Amino acid sequence: MSDTEKSDAVILCGASAYEEKYYLNQDFSTLPESIKEELQIMCVLYTAEIGGILTLQYDEHGNLFFNVTSEENDFSFDEIGSVLKIKQLQNDKRELLESLELYYKAKFLNEDISELLEE
């Protein structure tokens, strides 16, 4: 993904192992509490286990993706574990992630998602 694509991304939420903080974009404050809690647990556990900074972001088409960064000299960051953990999260949380994509496409991109719901 190019830098211009990343700058167009909309951050849903994120967590930092460095600052030990969690962030939820206020544009998504209307999400149900249970979803917000699940996102927080997922992000915080990831950074506690793997390290670095994890953000969930939407691209310009409304696709949700995991963005992971780490500080240059962070030797405790588990790069291989990161790839495996993200694959696990994408599998385990597939329904949640797909629902969040539909939510974003309907609410923020004003797409007609009725066709997507039928699939």
PDB file of N, CA and C in Angstrom:
ATOM      1  N   MET A   1       0.852  -1.179   0.000  1.00  0.00           N
ATOM      2  CA  MET A   1       0.000   0.000   0.000  1.00  0.00           C
ATOM      3  C   MET A   1       0.892   1.235   0.000  1.00  0.00           C
ATOM      4  N   SER A   2       0.587   2.176  -0.822  1.00  0.00           N
ATOM      5  CA  SER A   2       1.423   3.372  -0.931  1.00  0.00           C
ATOM      6  C   SER A   2       1.119   4.347   0.202  1.00  0.00           C
ATOM      7  N   ASP A   3       2.019   5.306   0.403  1.00  0.00           N
ATOM      8  CA  ASP A   3       1.831   6.290   1.454  1.00  0.00           C
ATOM      9  C   ASP A   3       0.583   7.128   1.239  1.00  0.00           C
ATOM     10  N   THR A   4       0.242   7.404  -0.041  1.00  0.00           N
ATOM     11  CA  THR A   4      -0.958   8.210  -0.294  1.00  0.00           C
ATOM     12  C   THR A   4      -2.200   7.431   0.094  1.00  0.00           C
ATOM     13  N   GLU A   5      -2.199   6.126  -0.159  1.00  0.00           N
ATOM     14  CA  GLU A   5      -3.357   5.326   0.248  1.00  0.00           C
ATOM     15  C   GLU A   5      -3.488   5.325   1.764  1.00  0.00           C
ATOM     16  N   LYS A   6      -2.370   5.197   2.465  1.00  0.00           N
ATOM     17  CA  LYS A   6      -2.415   5.181   3.922  1.00  0.00           C
ATOM     18  C   LYS A   6      -2.920   6.507   4.467  1.00  0.00           C
ATOM     19  N   SER A   7      -2.540   7.614   3.848  1.00  0.00           N
ATOM     20  CA  SER A   7      -2.973   8.907   4.363  1.00  0.00           C
ATOM     21  C   SER A   7      -4.470   9.118   4.135  1.00  0.00           C
ATOM     22  N   ASP A   8      -5.053   8.425   3.165  1.00  0.00           N
ATOM     23  CA  ASP A   8      -6.491   8.509   2.926  1.00  0.00           C
ATOM     24  C   ASP A   8      -7.275   7.584   3.856  1.00  0.00           C
ATOM     25  N   ALA A   9      -6.567   6.729   4.561  1.00  0.00           N
ATOM     26  CA  ALA A   9      -7.227   5.756   5.424  1.00  0.00           C
ATOM     27  C   ALA A   9      -7.894   6.458   6.609  1.00  0.00           C
ATOM     28  N   VAL A  10      -9.011   5.879   7.029  1.00  0.00           N
ATOM     29  CA  VAL A  10      -9.731   6.368   8.196  1.00  0.00           C
ATOM     30  C   VAL A  10      -9.483   5.372   9.321  1.00  0.00           C
ATOM     31  N   ILE A  11      -8.936   5.850  10.413  1.00  0.00           N
ATOM     32  CA  ILE A  11      -8.646   4.968  11.543  1.00  0.00           C
ATOM     33  C   ILE A  11      -9.925   4.705  12.324  1.00  0.00           C
ATOM     34  N   LEU A  12     -10.199   3.425  12.547  1.00  0.00           N
ATOM     35  CA  LEU A  12     -11.312   3.018  13.394  1.00  0.00           C
ATOM     36  C   LEU A  12     -10.857   3.029  14.853  1.00  0.00           C
ATOM     37  N   CYS A  13      -9.766   2.319  15.119  1.00  0.00           N
ATOM     38  CA  CYS A  13      -9.259   2.239  16.478  1.00  0.00           C
ATOM     39  C   CYS A  13      -7.808   1.788  16.449  1.00  0.00           C
ATOM     40  N   GLY A  14      -7.171   1.865  17.590  1.00  0.00           N
ATOM     41  CA  GLY A  14      -5.792   1.435  17.650  1.00  0.00           C
ATOM     42  C   GLY A  14      -5.294   1.331  19.077  1.00  0.00           C
ATOM     43  N   ALA A  15      -4.154   0.653  19.220  1.00  0.00           N
ATOM     44  CA  ALA A  15      -3.523   0.518  20.526  1.00  0.00           C
ATOM     45  C   ALA A  15      -2.017   0.585  20.346  1.00  0.00           C
ATOM     46  N   SER A  16      -1.354   1.115  21.359  1.00  0.00           N
ATOM     47  CA  SER A  16       0.098   1.253  21.331  1.00  0.00           C
ATOM     48  C   SER A  16       0.713   0.559  22.536  1.00  0.00           C
ATOM     49  N   ALA A  17       1.668  -0.319  22.266  1.00  0.00           N
ATOM     50  CA  ALA A  17       2.401  -0.956  23.359  1.00  0.00           C
ATOM     51  C   ALA A  17       3.336   0.041  24.010  1.00  0.00           C
ATOM     52  N   TYR A  18       3.761   1.055  23.264  1.00  0.00           N
ATOM     53  CA  TYR A  18       4.720   2.029  23.776  1.00  0.00           C
ATOM     54  C   TYR A  18       4.078   2.969  24.796  1.00  0.00           C
ATOM     55  N   GLU A  19       2.897   3.439  24.472  1.00  0.00           N
ATOM     56  CA  GLU A  19       2.207   4.380  25.369  1.00  0.00           C
ATOM     57  C   GLU A  19       1.197   3.678  26.265  1.00  0.00           C
ATOM     58  N   GLU A  20       0.972   2.386  26.015  1.00  0.00           N
ATOM     59  CA  GLU A  20      -0.035   1.601  26.739  1.00  0.00           C
ATOM     60  C   GLU A  20      -1.381   2.319  26.731  1.00  0.00           C
ATOM     61  N   LYS A  21      -1.791   2.727  25.510  1.00  0.00           N
ATOM     62  CA  LYS A  21      -3.055   3.435  25.338  1.00  0.00           C
ATOM     63  C   LYS A  21      -3.866   2.791  24.227  1.00  0.00           C
ATOM     64  N   TYR A  22      -5.184   2.992  24.332  1.00  0.00           N
ATOM     65  CA  TYR A  22      -6.133   2.543  23.308  1.00  0.00           C
ATOM     66  C   TYR A  22      -6.859   3.782  22.801  1.00  0.00           C
ATOM     67  N   TYR A  23      -7.153   3.793  21.501  1.00  0.00           N
ATOM     68  CA  TYR A  23      -7.830   4.926  20.884  1.00  0.00           C
ATOM     69  C   TYR A  23      -8.989   4.411  20.042  1.00  0.00           C
ATOM     70  N   LEU A  24     -10.146   5.050  20.193  1.00  0.00           N
ATOM     71  CA  LEU A  24     -11.297   4.797  19.323  1.00  0.00           C
ATOM     72  C   LEU A  24     -11.667   6.119  18.684  1.00  0.00           C
ATOM     73  N   ASN A  25     -11.702   6.151  17.360  1.00  0.00           N
ATOM     74  CA  ASN A  25     -12.087   7.347  16.625  1.00  0.00           C
ATOM     75  C   ASN A  25     -13.505   7.751  17.051  1.00  0.00           C
ATOM     76  N   GLN A  26     -13.685   9.001  17.455  1.00  0.00           N
ATOM     77  CA  GLN A  26     -14.982   9.479  17.940  1.00  0.00           C
ATOM     78  C   GLN A  26     -16.083   9.418  16.874  1.00  0.00           C
ATOM     79  N   ASP A  27     -15.694   9.339  15.603  1.00  0.00           N
ATOM     80  CA  ASP A  27     -16.697   9.183  14.539  1.00  0.00           C
ATOM     81  C   ASP A  27     -17.446   7.859  14.682  1.00  0.00           C
ATOM     82  N   PHE A  28     -16.885   6.941  15.464  1.00  0.00           N
ATOM     83  CA  PHE A  28     -17.486   5.616  15.632  1.00  0.00           C
ATOM     84  C   PHE A  28     -18.052   5.425  17.040  1.00  0.00           C
ATOM     85  N   SER A  29     -18.294   6.515  17.736  1.00  0.00           N
ATOM     86  CA  SER A  29     -18.788   6.435  19.113  1.00  0.00           C
ATOM     87  C   SER A  29     -20.202   5.869  19.200  1.00  0.00           C
ATOM     88  N   THR A  30     -20.919   5.834  18.066  1.00  0.00           N
ATOM     89  CA  THR A  30     -22.284   5.300  18.079  1.00  0.00           C
ATOM     90  C   THR A  30     -22.323   3.777  17.939  1.00  0.00           C
ATOM     91  N   LEU A  31     -21.165   3.154  17.767  1.00  0.00           N
ATOM     92  CA  LEU A  31     -21.144   1.693  17.720  1.00  0.00           C
ATOM     93  C   LEU A  31     -21.650   1.146  19.054  1.00  0.00           C
ATOM     94  N   PRO A  32     -22.281  -0.015  19.031  1.00  0.00           N
ATOM     95  CA  PRO A  32     -22.735  -0.616  20.298  1.00  0.00           C
ATOM     96  C   PRO A  32     -21.558  -0.837  21.256  1.00  0.00           C
ATOM     97  N   GLU A  33     -21.817  -0.701  22.549  1.00  0.00           N
ATOM     98  CA  GLU A  33     -20.766  -0.859  23.570  1.00  0.00           C
ATOM     99  C   GLU A  33     -20.054  -2.201  23.438  1.00  0.00           C
ATOM    100  N   SER A  34     -20.811  -3.256  23.161  1.00  0.00           N
ATOM    101  CA  SER A  34     -20.197  -4.591  23.068  1.00  0.00           C
ATOM    102  C   SER A  34     -19.167  -4.654  21.939  1.00  0.00           C
ATOM    103  N   ILE A  35     -19.440  -3.967  20.840  1.00  0.00           N
ATOM    104  CA  ILE A  35     -18.495  -3.936  19.710  1.00  0.00           C
ATOM    105  C   ILE A  35     -17.268  -3.112  20.092  1.00  0.00           C
ATOM    106  N   LYS A  36     -17.500  -1.967  20.731  1.00  0.00           N
ATOM    107  CA  LYS A  36     -16.381  -1.121  21.146  1.00  0.00           C
ATOM    108  C   LYS A  36     -15.482  -1.874  22.127  1.00  0.00           C
ATOM    109  N   GLU A  37     -16.091  -2.616  23.043  1.00  0.00           N
ATOM    110  CA  GLU A  37     -15.312  -3.390  24.011  1.00  0.00           C
ATOM    111  C   GLU A  37     -14.524  -4.499  23.322  1.00  0.00           C
ATOM    112  N   GLU A  38     -15.148  -5.175  22.371  1.00  0.00           N
ATOM    113  CA  GLU A  38     -14.466  -6.249  21.650  1.00  0.00           C
ATOM    114  C   GLU A  38     -13.269  -5.713  20.863  1.00  0.00           C
ATOM    115  N   LEU A  39     -13.442  -4.557  20.240  1.00  0.00           N
ATOM    116  CA  LEU A  39     -12.330  -3.928  19.516  1.00  0.00           C
ATOM    117  C   LEU A  39     -11.199  -3.561  20.470  1.00  0.00           C
ATOM    118  N   GLN A  40     -11.557  -3.001  21.614  1.00  0.00           N
ATOM    119  CA  GLN A  40     -10.539  -2.605  22.579  1.00  0.00           C
ATOM    120  C   GLN A  40      -9.770  -3.822  23.086  1.00  0.00           C
ATOM    121  N   ILE A  41     -10.463  -4.862  23.450  1.00  0.00           N
ATOM    122  CA  ILE A  41      -9.810  -6.075  23.940  1.00  0.00           C
ATOM    123  C   ILE A  41      -8.891  -6.647  22.869  1.00  0.00           C
ATOM    124  N   MET A  42      -9.375  -6.714  21.631  1.00  0.00           N
ATOM    125  CA  MET A  42      -8.591  -7.269  20.529  1.00  0.00           C
ATOM    126  C   MET A  42      -7.297  -6.474  20.322  1.00  0.00           C
ATOM    127  N   CYS A  43      -7.395  -5.158  20.274  1.00  0.00           N
ATOM    128  CA  CYS A  43      -6.220  -4.313  20.021  1.00  0.00           C
ATOM    129  C   CYS A  43      -5.234  -4.335  21.183  1.00  0.00           C
ATOM    130  N   VAL A  44      -5.748  -4.228  22.407  1.00  0.00           N
ATOM    131  CA  VAL A  44      -4.878  -4.182  23.573  1.00  0.00           C
ATOM    132  C   VAL A  44      -4.164  -5.522  23.769  1.00  0.00           C
ATOM    133  N   LEU A  45      -4.878  -6.625  23.602  1.00  0.00           N
ATOM    134  CA  LEU A  45      -4.234  -7.932  23.741  1.00  0.00           C
ATOM    135  C   LEU A  45      -3.166  -8.145  22.672  1.00  0.00           C
ATOM    136  N   TYR A  46      -3.445  -7.675  21.456  1.00  0.00           N
ATOM    137  CA  TYR A  46      -2.454  -7.793  20.378  1.00  0.00           C
ATOM    138  C   TYR A  46      -1.169  -7.069  20.765  1.00  0.00           C
ATOM    139  N   THR A  47      -1.286  -5.810  21.183  1.00  0.00           N
ATOM    140  CA  THR A  47      -0.072  -5.039  21.485  1.00  0.00           C
ATOM    141  C   THR A  47       0.625  -5.562  22.744  1.00  0.00           C
ATOM    142  N   ALA A  48      -0.115  -6.111  23.688  1.00  0.00           N
ATOM    143  CA  ALA A  48       0.510  -6.686  24.882  1.00  0.00           C
ATOM    144  C   ALA A  48       1.322  -7.925  24.506  1.00  0.00           C
ATOM    145  N   GLU A  49       0.803  -8.716  23.577  1.00  0.00           N
ATOM    146  CA  GLU A  49       1.465  -9.955  23.173  1.00  0.00           C
ATOM    147  C   GLU A  49       2.580  -9.716  22.157  1.00  0.00           C
ATOM    148  N   ILE A  50       2.333  -8.865  21.157  1.00  0.00           N
ATOM    149  CA  ILE A  50       3.236  -8.699  20.019  1.00  0.00           C
ATOM    150  C   ILE A  50       4.112  -7.459  20.161  1.00  0.00           C
ATOM    151  N   GLY A  51       3.543  -6.384  20.707  1.00  0.00           N
ATOM    152  CA  GLY A  51       4.250  -5.111  20.799  1.00  0.00           C
ATOM    153  C   GLY A  51       3.847  -4.194  19.659  1.00  0.00           C
ATOM    154  N   GLY A  52       4.536  -3.070  19.546  1.00  0.00           N
ATOM    155  CA  GLY A  52       4.281  -2.134  18.455  1.00  0.00           C
ATOM    156  C   GLY A  52       2.985  -1.369  18.601  1.00  0.00           C
ATOM    157  N   ILE A  53       2.502  -0.905  17.451  1.00  0.00           N
ATOM    158  CA  ILE A  53       1.250  -0.145  17.375  1.00  0.00           C
ATOM    159  C   ILE A  53       0.360  -0.823  16.349  1.00  0.00           C
ATOM    160  N   LEU A  54      -0.858  -1.110  16.741  1.00  0.00           N
ATOM    161  CA  LEU A  54      -1.842  -1.717  15.849  1.00  0.00           C
ATOM    162  C   LEU A  54      -2.975  -0.736  15.642  1.00  0.00           C
ATOM    163  N   THR A  55      -3.322  -0.477  14.374  1.00  0.00           N
ATOM    164  CA  THR A  55      -4.529   0.300  14.078  1.00  0.00           C
ATOM    165  C   THR A  55      -5.381  -0.481  13.102  1.00  0.00           C
ATOM    166  N   LEU A  56      -6.690  -0.379  13.267  1.00  0.00           N
ATOM    167  CA  LEU A  56      -7.636  -0.893  12.291  1.00  0.00           C
ATOM    168  C   LEU A  56      -8.089   0.304  11.487  1.00  0.00           C
ATOM    169  N   GLN A  57      -7.948   0.201  10.153  1.00  0.00           N
ATOM    170  CA  GLN A  57      -8.219   1.345   9.290  1.00  0.00           C
ATOM    171  C   GLN A  57      -9.081   0.927   8.115  1.00  0.00           C
ATOM    172  N   TYR A  58      -9.844   1.889   7.623  1.00  0.00           N
ATOM    173  CA  TYR A  58     -10.633   1.701   6.409  1.00  0.00           C
ATOM    174  C   TYR A  58      -9.907   2.363   5.254  1.00  0.00           C
ATOM    175  N   ASP A  59      -9.839   1.659   4.110  1.00  0.00           N
ATOM    176  CA  ASP A  59      -9.299   2.307   2.914  1.00  0.00           C
ATOM    177  C   ASP A  59     -10.415   3.098   2.243  1.00  0.00           C
ATOM    178  N   GLU A  60     -10.113   3.720   1.116  1.00  0.00           N
ATOM    179  CA  GLU A  60     -11.106   4.589   0.457  1.00  0.00           C
ATOM    180  C   GLU A  60     -12.324   3.837  -0.062  1.00  0.00           C
ATOM    181  N   HIS A  61     -12.240   2.495  -0.126  1.00  0.00           N
ATOM    182  CA  HIS A  61     -13.370   1.682  -0.590  1.00  0.00           C
ATOM    183  C   HIS A  61     -14.171   1.082   0.565  1.00  0.00           C
ATOM    184  N   GLY A  62     -13.741   1.380   1.783  1.00  0.00           N
ATOM    185  CA  GLY A  62     -14.451   0.867   2.950  1.00  0.00           C
ATOM    186  C   GLY A  62     -13.973  -0.488   3.417  1.00  0.00           C
ATOM    187  N   ASN A  63     -12.841  -0.953   2.889  1.00  0.00           N
ATOM    188  CA  ASN A  63     -12.286  -2.221   3.336  1.00  0.00           C
ATOM    189  C   ASN A  63     -11.476  -1.989   4.606  1.00  0.00           C
ATOM    190  N   LEU A  64     -11.681  -2.847   5.585  1.00  0.00           N
ATOM    191  CA  LEU A  64     -11.002  -2.725   6.868  1.00  0.00           C
ATOM    192  C   LEU A  64      -9.701  -3.516   6.823  1.00  0.00           C
ATOM    193  N   PHE A  65      -8.616  -2.894   7.258  1.00  0.00           N
ATOM    194  CA  PHE A  65      -7.344  -3.606   7.276  1.00  0.00           C
ATOM    195  C   PHE A  65      -6.578  -3.302   8.555  1.00  0.00           C
ATOM    196  N   PHE A  66      -5.686  -4.213   8.891  1.00  0.00           N
ATOM    197  CA  PHE A  66      -4.828  -4.071  10.060  1.00  0.00           C
ATOM    198  C   PHE A  66      -3.552  -3.360   9.626  1.00  0.00           C
ATOM    199  N   ASN A  67      -3.157  -2.326  10.345  1.00  0.00           N
ATOM    200  CA  ASN A  67      -1.908  -1.635  10.065  1.00  0.00           C
ATOM    201  C   ASN A  67      -1.029  -1.745  11.311  1.00  0.00           C
ATOM    202  N   VAL A  68       0.158  -2.310  11.128  1.00  0.00           N
ATOM    203  CA  VAL A  68       1.067  -2.529  12.247  1.00  0.00           C
ATOM    204  C   VAL A  68       2.349  -1.749  12.008  1.00  0.00           C
ATOM    205  N   THR A  69       2.777  -1.026  13.021  1.00  0.00           N
ATOM    206  CA  THR A  69       4.057  -0.330  12.957  1.00  0.00           C
ATOM    207  C   THR A  69       4.808  -0.595  14.250  1.00  0.00           C
ATOM    208  N   SER A  70       6.116  -0.442  14.170  1.00  0.00           N
ATOM    209  CA  SER A  70       6.934  -0.557  15.375  1.00  0.00           C
ATOM    210  C   SER A  70       8.071   0.438  15.261  1.00  0.00           C
ATOM    211  N   GLU A  71       8.605   0.801  16.400  1.00  0.00           N
ATOM    212  CA  GLU A  71       9.733   1.724  16.405  1.00  0.00           C
ATOM    213  C   GLU A  71      10.948   1.028  15.809  1.00  0.00           C
ATOM    214  N   GLU A  72      11.808   1.807  15.194  1.00  0.00           N
ATOM    215  CA  GLU A  72      12.929   1.268  14.424  1.00  0.00           C
ATOM    216  C   GLU A  72      13.813   0.306  15.212  1.00  0.00           C
ATOM    217  N   ASN A  73      14.144   0.631  16.428  1.00  0.00           N
ATOM    218  CA  ASN A  73      15.043  -0.218  17.215  1.00  0.00           C
ATOM    219  C   ASN A  73      14.320  -1.018  18.283  1.00  0.00           C
ATOM    220  N   ASP A  74      13.069  -1.373  18.022  1.00  0.00           N
ATOM    221  CA  ASP A  74      12.285  -2.166  18.974  1.00  0.00           C
ATOM    222  C   ASP A  74      12.556  -3.643  18.723  1.00  0.00           C
ATOM    223  N   PHE A  75      13.512  -4.179  19.453  1.00  0.00           N
ATOM    224  CA  PHE A  75      13.898  -5.581  19.251  1.00  0.00           C
ATOM    225  C   PHE A  75      12.938  -6.541  19.948  1.00  0.00           C
ATOM    226  N   SER A  76      12.046  -6.035  20.768  1.00  0.00           N
ATOM    227  CA  SER A  76      11.068  -6.905  21.421  1.00  0.00           C
ATOM    228  C   SER A  76       9.833  -7.120  20.542  1.00  0.00           C
ATOM    229  N   PHE A  77       9.693  -6.316  19.470  1.00  0.00           N
ATOM    230  CA  PHE A  77       8.546  -6.466  18.563  1.00  0.00           C
ATOM    231  C   PHE A  77       8.666  -7.802  17.832  1.00  0.00           C
ATOM    232  N   ASP A  78       7.597  -8.587  17.850  1.00  0.00           N
ATOM    233  CA  ASP A  78       7.581  -9.925  17.252  1.00  0.00           C
ATOM    234  C   ASP A  78       6.975  -9.856  15.851  1.00  0.00           C
ATOM    235  N   GLU A  79       7.836  -9.675  14.851  1.00  0.00           N
ATOM    236  CA  GLU A  79       7.357  -9.499  13.476  1.00  0.00           C
ATOM    237  C   GLU A  79       6.651 -10.743  12.937  1.00  0.00           C
ATOM    238  N   ILE A  80       7.221 -11.904  13.176  1.00  0.00           N
ATOM    239  CA  ILE A  80       6.607 -13.155  12.699  1.00  0.00           C
ATOM    240  C   ILE A  80       5.308 -13.411  13.465  1.00  0.00           C
ATOM    241  N   GLY A  81       5.357 -13.210  14.771  1.00  0.00           N
ATOM    242  CA  GLY A  81       4.156 -13.377  15.587  1.00  0.00           C
ATOM    243  C   GLY A  81       3.046 -12.433  15.162  1.00  0.00           C
ATOM    244  N   SER A  82       3.426 -11.238  14.696  1.00  0.00           N
ATOM    245  CA  SER A  82       2.457 -10.246  14.245  1.00  0.00           C
ATOM    246  C   SER A  82       1.655 -10.766  13.056  1.00  0.00           C
ATOM    247  N   VAL A  83       2.360 -11.311  12.075  1.00  0.00           N
ATOM    248  CA  VAL A  83       1.687 -11.838  10.879  1.00  0.00           C
ATOM    249  C   VAL A  83       0.741 -12.972  11.262  1.00  0.00           C
ATOM    250  N   LEU A  84       1.221 -13.866  12.120  1.00  0.00           N
ATOM    251  CA  LEU A  84       0.393 -15.004  12.544  1.00  0.00           C
ATOM    252  C   LEU A  84      -0.816 -14.543  13.356  1.00  0.00           C
ATOM    253  N   LYS A  85      -0.602 -13.584  14.252  1.00  0.00           N
ATOM    254  CA  LYS A  85      -1.686 -13.087  15.101  1.00  0.00           C
ATOM    255  C   LYS A  85      -2.758 -12.384  14.268  1.00  0.00           C
ATOM    256  N   ILE A  86      -2.341 -11.611  13.270  1.00  0.00           N
ATOM    257  CA  ILE A  86      -3.319 -10.917  12.420  1.00  0.00           C
ATOM    258  C   ILE A  86      -4.138 -11.936  11.632  1.00  0.00           C
ATOM    259  N   LYS A  87      -3.495 -12.962  11.101  1.00  0.00           N
ATOM    260  CA  LYS A  87      -4.242 -14.010  10.387  1.00  0.00           C
ATOM    261  C   LYS A  87      -5.246 -14.673  11.326  1.00  0.00           C
ATOM    262  N   GLN A  88      -4.822 -14.930  12.562  1.00  0.00           N
ATOM    263  CA  GLN A  88      -5.724 -15.533  13.539  1.00  0.00           C
ATOM    264  C   GLN A  88      -6.910 -14.613  13.829  1.00  0.00           C
ATOM    265  N   LEU A  89      -6.628 -13.326  14.035  1.00  0.00           N
ATOM    266  CA  LEU A  89      -7.705 -12.368  14.312  1.00  0.00           C
ATOM    267  C   LEU A  89      -8.658 -12.256  13.122  1.00  0.00           C
ATOM    268  N   GLN A  90      -8.108 -12.226  11.906  1.00  0.00           N
ATOM    269  CA  GLN A  90      -8.963 -12.139  10.715  1.00  0.00           C
ATOM    270  C   GLN A  90      -9.874 -13.357  10.618  1.00  0.00           C
ATOM    271  N   ASN A  91      -9.383 -14.504  11.043  1.00  0.00           N
ATOM    272  CA  ASN A  91     -10.185 -15.726  11.049  1.00  0.00           C
ATOM    273  C   ASN A  91     -11.216 -15.711  12.169  1.00  0.00           C
ATOM    274  N   ASP A  92     -10.734 -15.501  13.401  1.00  0.00           N
ATOM    275  CA  ASP A  92     -11.595 -15.566  14.582  1.00  0.00           C
ATOM    276  C   ASP A  92     -12.638 -14.457  14.616  1.00  0.00           C
ATOM    277  N   LYS A  93     -12.298 -13.299  14.090  1.00  0.00           N
ATOM    278  CA  LYS A  93     -13.185 -12.124  14.165  1.00  0.00           C
ATOM    279  C   LYS A  93     -13.788 -11.775  12.802  1.00  0.00           C
ATOM    280  N   ARG A  94     -13.826 -12.745  11.897  1.00  0.00           N
ATOM    281  CA  ARG A  94     -14.299 -12.485  10.529  1.00  0.00           C
ATOM    282  C   ARG A  94     -15.675 -11.815  10.517  1.00  0.00           C
ATOM    283  N   GLU A  95     -16.602 -12.343  11.291  1.00  0.00           N
ATOM    284  CA  GLU A  95     -17.967 -11.807  11.287  1.00  0.00           C
ATOM    285  C   GLU A  95     -17.988 -10.352  11.783  1.00  0.00           C
ATOM    286  N   LEU A  96     -17.256 -10.081  12.848  1.00  0.00           N
ATOM    287  CA  LEU A  96     -17.168  -8.716  13.379  1.00  0.00           C
ATOM    288  C   LEU A  96     -16.563  -7.774  12.339  1.00  0.00           C
ATOM    289  N   LEU A  97     -15.457  -8.178  11.738  1.00  0.00           N
ATOM    290  CA  LEU A  97     -14.766  -7.331  10.766  1.00  0.00           C
ATOM    291  C   LEU A  97     -15.632  -7.071   9.535  1.00  0.00           C
ATOM    292  N   GLU A  98     -16.331  -8.094   9.056  1.00  0.00           N
ATOM    293  CA  GLU A  98     -17.226  -7.911   7.900  1.00  0.00           C
ATOM    294  C   GLU A  98     -18.375  -6.974   8.253  1.00  0.00           C
ATOM    295  N   SER A  99     -18.914  -7.101   9.448  1.00  0.00           N
ATOM    296  CA  SER A  99     -20.005  -6.221   9.887  1.00  0.00           C
ATOM    297  C   SER A  99     -19.536  -4.770   9.977  1.00  0.00           C
ATOM    298  N   LEU A 100     -18.305  -4.571  10.459  1.00  0.00           N
ATOM    299  CA  LEU A 100     -17.757  -3.221  10.558  1.00  0.00           C
ATOM    300  C   LEU A 100     -17.539  -2.606   9.178  1.00  0.00           C
ATOM    301  N   GLU A 101     -17.183  -3.435   8.202  1.00  0.00           N
ATOM    302  CA  GLU A 101     -17.043  -2.928   6.829  1.00  0.00           C
ATOM    303  C   GLU A 101     -18.394  -2.495   6.283  1.00  0.00           C
ATOM    304  N   LEU A 102     -19.426  -3.318   6.486  1.00  0.00           N
ATOM    305  CA  LEU A 102     -20.769  -2.965   6.019  1.00  0.00           C
ATOM    306  C   LEU A 102     -21.258  -1.679   6.691  1.00  0.00           C
ATOM    307  N   TYR A 103     -21.028  -1.579   7.983  1.00  0.00           N
ATOM    308  CA  TYR A 103     -21.413  -0.384   8.741  1.00  0.00           C
ATOM    309  C   TYR A 103     -20.769   0.859   8.137  1.00  0.00           C
ATOM    310  N   TYR A 104     -19.482   0.788   7.884  1.00  0.00           N
ATOM    311  CA  TYR A 104     -18.746   1.932   7.340  1.00  0.00           C
ATOM    312  C   TYR A 104     -19.259   2.295   5.942  1.00  0.00           C
ATOM    313  N   LYS A 105     -19.472   1.276   5.104  1.00  0.00           N
ATOM    314  CA  LYS A 105     -19.927   1.530   3.731  1.00  0.00           C
ATOM    315  C   LYS A 105     -21.308   2.178   3.730  1.00  0.00           C
ATOM    316  N   ALA A 106     -22.166   1.743   4.643  1.00  0.00           N
ATOM    317  CA  ALA A 106     -23.517   2.301   4.699  1.00  0.00           C
ATOM    318  C   ALA A 106     -23.535   3.694   5.320  1.00  0.00           C
ATOM    319  N   LYS A 107     -22.851   3.853   6.443  1.00  0.00           N
ATOM    320  CA  LYS A 107     -22.946   5.101   7.203  1.00  0.00           C
ATOM    321  C   LYS A 107     -22.040   6.210   6.661  1.00  0.00           C
ATOM    322  N   PHE A 108     -20.834   5.877   6.243  1.00  0.00           N
ATOM    323  CA  PHE A 108     -19.867   6.904   5.860  1.00  0.00           C
ATOM    324  C   PHE A 108     -19.709   7.060   4.353  1.00  0.00           C
ATOM    325  N   LEU A 109     -19.861   5.964   3.611  1.00  0.00           N
ATOM    326  CA  LEU A 109     -19.742   6.050   2.151  1.00  0.00           C
ATOM    327  C   LEU A 109     -21.100   6.127   1.466  1.00  0.00           C
ATOM    328  N   ASN A 110     -22.167   6.028   2.260  1.00  0.00           N
ATOM    329  CA  ASN A 110     -23.542   6.104   1.763  1.00  0.00           C
ATOM    330  C   ASN A 110     -23.817   5.117   0.629  1.00  0.00           C
ATOM    331  N   GLU A 111     -23.230   3.933   0.752  1.00  0.00           N
ATOM    332  CA  GLU A 111     -23.468   2.897  -0.256  1.00  0.00           C
ATOM    333  C   GLU A 111     -24.754   2.154   0.069  1.00  0.00           C
ATOM    334  N   ASP A 112     -25.394   1.658  -0.972  1.00  0.00           N
ATOM    335  CA  ASP A 112     -26.546   0.780  -0.790  1.00  0.00           C
ATOM    336  C   ASP A 112     -25.999  -0.614  -0.534  1.00  0.00           C
ATOM    337  N   ILE A 113     -26.099  -1.075   0.706  1.00  0.00           N
ATOM    338  CA  ILE A 113     -25.491  -2.354   1.054  1.00  0.00           C
ATOM    339  C   ILE A 113     -26.489  -3.510   0.971  1.00  0.00           C
ATOM    340  N   SER A 114     -27.697  -3.260   0.458  1.00  0.00           N
ATOM    341  CA  SER A 114     -28.688  -4.331   0.404  1.00  0.00           C
ATOM    342  C   SER A 114     -28.198  -5.509  -0.444  1.00  0.00           C
ATOM    343  N   GLU A 115     -27.490  -5.218  -1.544  1.00  0.00           N
ATOM    344  CA  GLU A 115     -26.953  -6.301  -2.359  1.00  0.00           C
ATOM    345  C   GLU A 115     -25.888  -7.085  -1.616  1.00  0.00           C
ATOM    346  N   LEU A 116     -25.069  -6.386  -0.859  1.00  0.00           N
ATOM    347  CA  LEU A 116     -24.021  -7.052  -0.074  1.00  0.00           C
ATOM    348  C   LEU A 116     -24.604  -7.938   1.008  1.00  0.00           C
ATOM    349  N   LEU A 117     -25.722  -7.507   1.593  1.00  0.00           N
ATOM    350  CA  LEU A 117     -26.356  -8.287   2.652  1.00  0.00           C
ATOM    351  C   LEU A 117     -26.947  -9.581   2.133  1.00  0.00           C
ATOM    352  N   GLU A 118     -27.326  -9.609   0.852  1.00  0.00           N
ATOM    353  CA  GLU A 118     -27.930 -10.798   0.262  1.00  0.00           C
ATOM    354  C   GLU A 118     -26.907 -11.888  -0.034  1.00  0.00           C
ATOM    355  N   GLU A 119     -25.625 -11.502  -0.149  1.00  0.00           N
ATOM    356  CA  GLU A 119     -24.587 -12.477  -0.509  1.00  0.00           C
ATOM    357  C   GLU A 119     -24.363 -13.518   0.548  1.00  0.00           C
TER     358      GLU A 119
END
